[in-house]
Amino acid sequence: MSTSVSSDEKRVPRKILIADDESAIRRILSTRLSMVGYKVVVAADGVEAIDCFEQEAPDLLVLDVMMPKLNGYGVCQKIRETSDIPIIMLTALGDVADRVTGLELGADDYLTKPFSPKELEARIQAILRRFKDSSAQSSTTTEVISVDGLQVDTIKRRVYKAGQVVPLTYIEFNLLELLLKHSGEAVSRSDILQELWGYAPRRISDMRVVDVHVARLRAKIEDDQRNPEFILTVRGIGYSSQRLSIIDEAISA
């Protein structure tokens, strides 16, 4: 997979915040990402990461878990209170459950140390391209999807439940939108990973990225997560949404 940045991205460089307490990693990633056209800012601890986020308004955050002052989990949780910026977590923790913790707190993806800088570049490019495509689509699409008190406004990229806005990250919204586009059909976890994250699963633990985001989405839109009505599990395959009706008028908010 090529990791070169498109001409549009070169004209308006995307800004990446690298938060890691290892100076060698900050230096290597800063150099490599700058070479392919990104503007890079760095932070050496969790408190500095939050300060840089607030001052620099980056387009994406690469966030190490084990940092002084405030760990990556705390940083992720704090940022998710106000922003849906894409977050890729770096973790040296071997337990899958520990790695999944970051996803449960709102991270969009993770890589386990040691990792290939080239793989990180590819994931950054894929996630930013999908973020950009989603923003462009929202300005031209006029479709509102509605069922049983749940409304999905694809113009504003907002979800309403019983008239109240449901805060979703951009990945959660894209996941919901993908399942709605295939309403009534089973979509495999592998296809979801490829479509939304831009890479095919290489190991069983990669599938957990999809599972955790489905669980987070259900927690926000379902009345009973154990008996979901909107996002259904298709055993041995993946997930599906119930068949929904489409209306053409926008939701007032």
Protein backbone atom coordinates (compact mmCIF):
# COMPACT_ATOMS: atom_id res chain seq x y z
CA MET A 1 0.00 0.00 0.00
CA SER A 2 1.40 3.36 -0.99
CA THR A 3 1.70 5.93 1.79
CA SER A 4 2.36 9.00 -0.33
CA VAL A 5 0.11 11.95 0.43
CA SER A 6 -2.23 13.19 -2.31
CA SER A 7 -1.72 16.56 -4.03
CA ASP A 8 -4.70 18.04 -2.14
CA GLU A 9 -3.20 16.98 1.18
CA LYS A 10 0.16 18.48 0.18
CA ARG A 11 -1.43 21.85 -0.57
CA VAL A 12 -3.13 21.92 2.81
CA PRO A 13 -0.98 19.69 5.05
CA ARG A 14 -2.86 17.62 7.59
CA LYS A 15 -1.56 18.10 11.13
CA ILE A 16 -0.60 15.04 13.17
CA LEU A 17 0.01 15.13 16.92
CA ILE A 18 2.47 12.47 18.14
CA ALA A 19 2.25 11.88 21.89
CA ASP A 20 4.91 9.45 23.18
CA ASP A 21 7.39 9.63 26.04
CA GLU A 22 10.12 7.89 24.01
CA SER A 23 12.18 10.55 22.24
CA ALA A 24 13.41 8.08 19.60
CA ILE A 25 9.84 7.25 18.56
CA ARG A 26 8.87 10.92 18.45
CA ARG A 27 11.92 11.69 16.30
CA ILE A 28 11.44 8.79 13.88
CA LEU A 29 7.71 9.33 13.39
CA SER A 30 8.07 13.10 13.12
CA THR A 31 10.73 12.72 10.43
CA ARG A 32 8.88 10.08 8.42
CA LEU A 33 5.48 11.76 8.55
CA SER A 34 6.99 15.13 7.64
CA MET A 35 8.68 13.52 4.64
CA VAL A 36 5.34 12.32 3.25
CA GLY A 37 3.71 15.72 3.60
CA TYR A 38 2.18 16.00 7.06
CA LYS A 39 2.74 18.79 9.56
CA VAL A 40 3.80 17.17 12.83
CA VAL A 41 3.67 18.38 16.42
CA VAL A 42 4.91 16.28 19.35
CA ALA A 43 4.25 15.84 23.05
CA ALA A 44 6.29 13.91 25.62
CA ASP A 45 3.63 13.26 28.26
CA GLY A 46 -0.13 13.18 28.69
CA VAL A 47 -0.54 16.70 30.06
CA GLU A 48 1.51 18.14 27.21
CA ALA A 49 -0.56 16.09 24.75
CA ILE A 50 -3.79 17.72 25.95
CA ASP A 51 -2.19 21.18 25.83
CA CYS A 52 -0.96 20.56 22.25
CA PHE A 53 -4.36 19.24 21.24
CA GLU A 54 -6.07 22.38 22.50
CA GLN A 55 -3.51 24.78 21.00
CA GLU A 56 -2.72 23.07 17.68
CA ALA A 57 -6.11 21.56 16.70
CA PRO A 58 -4.54 18.52 14.96
CA ASP A 59 -6.36 16.42 12.39
CA LEU A 60 -5.27 13.12 13.98
CA LEU A 61 -3.60 11.99 17.20
CA VAL A 62 -1.09 9.14 17.54
CA LEU A 63 -1.21 8.39 21.24
CA ASP A 64 1.05 6.16 23.34
CA VAL A 65 -0.60 4.39 26.28
CA MET A 66 2.27 4.40 28.79
CA MET A 67 3.15 8.06 29.39
CA PRO A 68 4.03 10.05 32.55
CA LYS A 69 1.75 12.59 34.26
CA LEU A 70 -1.34 11.26 32.44
CA ASN A 71 -1.45 7.99 30.52
CA GLY A 72 -2.90 7.56 27.05
CA TYR A 73 -6.19 6.22 28.37
CA GLY A 74 -6.70 9.40 30.38
CA VAL A 75 -5.77 11.59 27.41
CA CYS A 76 -8.15 9.71 25.12
CA GLN A 77 -11.00 9.96 27.61
CA LYS A 78 -10.41 13.70 28.11
CA ILE A 79 -10.28 14.47 24.39
CA ARG A 80 -13.42 12.43 23.69
CA GLU A 81 -15.37 14.77 25.96
CA THR A 82 -15.16 17.48 23.28
CA SER A 83 -13.83 16.05 20.02
CA ASP A 84 -14.22 13.19 17.54
CA ILE A 85 -10.67 13.63 16.18
CA PRO A 86 -9.30 10.28 14.91
CA ILE A 87 -7.07 8.64 17.54
CA ILE A 88 -4.62 5.80 16.90
CA MET A 89 -3.19 4.33 20.09
CA LEU A 90 0.27 2.80 20.44
CA THR A 91 0.60 0.11 23.07
CA ALA A 92 3.34 -2.20 24.30
CA LEU A 93 0.83 -4.12 26.39
CA GLY A 94 0.56 -7.75 25.37
CA ASP A 95 -2.90 -8.52 26.71
CA VAL A 96 -5.63 -8.00 24.10
CA ALA A 97 -7.98 -6.85 26.87
CA ASP A 98 -5.57 -4.03 27.76
CA ARG A 99 -5.31 -2.95 24.14
CA VAL A 100 -9.07 -3.00 23.75
CA THR A 101 -9.40 -0.62 26.71
CA GLY A 102 -8.26 2.25 24.48
CA LEU A 103 -10.94 1.41 21.93
CA GLU A 104 -13.58 1.30 24.64
CA LEU A 105 -12.53 4.81 25.72
CA GLY A 106 -12.97 6.14 22.19
CA ALA A 107 -9.78 5.42 20.24
CA ASP A 108 -10.37 4.54 16.59
CA ASP A 109 -7.52 2.06 16.08
CA TYR A 110 -4.36 0.75 17.71
CA LEU A 111 -0.92 -0.62 16.87
CA THR A 112 1.17 -2.82 19.14
CA LYS A 113 4.82 -1.96 19.75
CA PRO A 114 7.13 -2.73 18.10
CA PHE A 115 5.37 -1.65 14.91
CA SER A 116 6.34 -0.70 11.39
CA PRO A 117 6.33 3.08 10.78
CA LYS A 118 5.18 2.26 7.24
CA GLU A 119 2.10 0.49 8.61
CA LEU A 120 1.33 3.49 10.83
CA GLU A 121 1.66 5.81 7.81
CA ALA A 122 -0.77 3.63 5.86
CA ARG A 123 -3.32 3.62 8.67
CA ILE A 124 -3.05 7.39 9.13
CA GLN A 125 -3.59 7.95 5.42
CA ALA A 126 -6.56 5.57 5.31
CA ILE A 127 -8.30 7.03 8.33
CA LEU A 128 -7.78 10.65 7.22
CA ARG A 129 -9.01 9.88 3.71
CA ARG A 130 -12.19 8.37 5.11
CA PHE A 131 -12.61 11.32 7.47
CA LYS A 132 -12.27 13.72 4.52
CA ASP A 133 -14.60 11.68 2.29
CA SER A 134 -17.23 11.60 5.03
CA SER A 135 -17.10 15.38 5.40
CA ALA A 136 -17.42 15.90 1.65
CA GLN A 137 -20.31 13.45 1.40
CA SER A 138 -22.20 15.14 4.22
CA SER A 139 -22.30 18.42 2.31
CA THR A 140 -24.03 16.87 -0.73
CA THR A 141 -26.20 14.07 0.64
CA THR A 142 -29.80 14.89 1.53
CA GLU A 143 -30.90 11.60 3.02
CA VAL A 144 -32.37 11.10 6.47
CA ILE A 145 -32.88 7.57 7.74
CA SER A 146 -35.55 6.95 10.37
CA VAL A 147 -36.88 4.00 12.35
CA ASP A 148 -38.51 3.50 15.75
CA GLY A 149 -37.41 6.80 17.26
CA LEU A 150 -33.89 6.69 15.80
CA GLN A 151 -33.01 9.21 13.07
CA VAL A 152 -29.73 9.47 11.18
CA ASP A 153 -29.11 12.80 9.45
CA THR A 154 -26.43 12.22 6.82
CA ILE A 155 -26.26 15.93 6.01
CA LYS A 156 -25.11 16.98 9.47
CA ARG A 157 -23.71 13.54 10.37
CA ARG A 158 -25.82 13.47 13.50
CA VAL A 159 -27.92 10.79 15.14
CA TYR A 160 -31.07 11.54 17.12
CA LYS A 161 -32.80 9.20 19.54
CA ALA A 162 -36.21 10.27 20.83
CA GLY A 163 -35.38 13.76 19.58
CA GLN A 164 -32.06 14.01 21.47
CA VAL A 165 -28.64 14.17 19.79
CA VAL A 166 -26.55 11.04 20.33
CA PRO A 167 -22.82 11.96 20.32
CA LEU A 168 -20.90 9.60 18.03
CA THR A 169 -17.27 9.61 16.98
CA TYR A 170 -16.67 9.76 13.25
CA ILE A 171 -15.84 6.03 13.15
CA GLU A 172 -19.01 5.16 15.08
CA PHE A 173 -21.10 7.22 12.67
CA ASN A 174 -19.42 5.63 9.65
CA LEU A 175 -20.03 2.17 11.12
CA LEU A 176 -23.71 2.92 11.64
CA GLU A 177 -24.01 4.44 8.17
CA LEU A 178 -22.30 1.43 6.57
CA LEU A 179 -24.69 -1.02 8.24
CA LEU A 180 -27.68 1.12 7.31
CA LYS A 181 -26.61 1.19 3.67
CA HIS A 182 -26.73 -2.62 3.80
CA SER A 183 -29.84 -2.79 5.98
CA GLY A 184 -31.21 -6.29 6.24
CA GLU A 185 -27.94 -7.78 4.96
CA ALA A 186 -25.12 -9.43 6.90
CA VAL A 187 -21.80 -7.55 6.68
CA SER A 188 -18.73 -9.50 7.75
CA ARG A 189 -16.34 -8.10 10.34
CA SER A 190 -13.55 -8.46 7.79
CA ASP A 191 -15.45 -6.33 5.26
CA ILE A 192 -16.23 -3.72 7.93
CA LEU A 193 -12.56 -3.53 8.93
CA GLN A 194 -11.49 -3.17 5.30
CA GLU A 195 -14.12 -0.55 4.50
CA LEU A 196 -13.78 1.67 7.56
CA TRP A 197 -10.20 1.16 8.70
CA GLY A 198 -8.59 0.46 5.34
CA TYR A 199 -6.81 -2.81 6.10
CA ALA A 200 -7.61 -6.51 6.08
CA PRO A 201 -7.37 -8.50 9.33
CA ARG A 202 -4.01 -10.18 9.84
CA ARG A 203 -4.80 -11.75 13.19
CA ILE A 204 -7.87 -12.65 15.23
CA SER A 205 -7.32 -9.70 17.57
CA ASP A 206 -7.82 -7.30 14.64
CA MET A 207 -11.49 -8.26 14.66
CA ARG A 208 -11.78 -6.84 18.17
CA VAL A 209 -11.51 -3.36 16.68
CA VAL A 210 -14.85 -3.94 14.97
CA ASP A 211 -16.45 -5.70 17.95
CA VAL A 212 -15.56 -2.94 20.40
CA HIS A 213 -16.90 -0.21 18.13
CA VAL A 214 -20.14 -2.14 17.63
CA ALA A 215 -20.43 -2.45 21.42
CA ARG A 216 -19.80 1.30 21.85
CA LEU A 217 -22.37 2.10 19.18
CA ARG A 218 -24.96 -0.17 20.77
CA ALA A 219 -24.35 1.44 24.16
CA LYS A 220 -25.34 4.78 22.66
CA ILE A 221 -28.33 3.87 20.50
CA GLU A 222 -29.86 0.71 21.96
CA ASP A 223 -32.29 0.63 24.91
CA ASP A 224 -31.01 -2.82 25.87
CA GLN A 225 -27.56 -3.83 24.64
CA ARG A 226 -28.23 -7.48 25.45
CA ASN A 227 -31.27 -7.45 23.19
CA PRO A 228 -30.34 -4.99 20.42
CA GLU A 229 -32.99 -3.79 18.01
CA PHE A 230 -30.95 -1.72 15.55
CA ILE A 231 -27.53 -3.43 15.24
CA LEU A 232 -27.88 -7.21 15.11
CA THR A 233 -25.25 -9.94 15.41
CA VAL A 234 -25.12 -12.49 12.60
CA ARG A 235 -23.37 -15.49 14.12
CA GLY A 236 -20.35 -16.70 12.23
CA ILE A 237 -20.43 -13.71 9.86
CA GLY A 238 -20.62 -10.26 11.42
CA TYR A 239 -23.34 -7.68 11.89
CA SER A 240 -26.43 -6.25 10.23
CA SER A 241 -28.97 -3.52 10.82
CA GLN A 242 -32.69 -4.03 10.62
CA ARG A 243 -34.26 -2.81 7.40
CA LEU A 244 -34.97 0.91 7.71
CA SER A 245 -37.17 3.44 5.95
CA ILE A 246 -35.68 6.47 4.20
CA ILE A 247 -37.20 9.93 4.19
CA ASP A 248 -36.08 12.91 2.16
CA GLU A 249 -36.48 15.85 4.49
CA ALA A 250 -33.79 17.06 6.86
CA ILE A 251 -34.13 17.04 10.63
CA SER A 252 -34.41 20.43 12.29
CA ALA A 253 -32.02 20.96 15.19
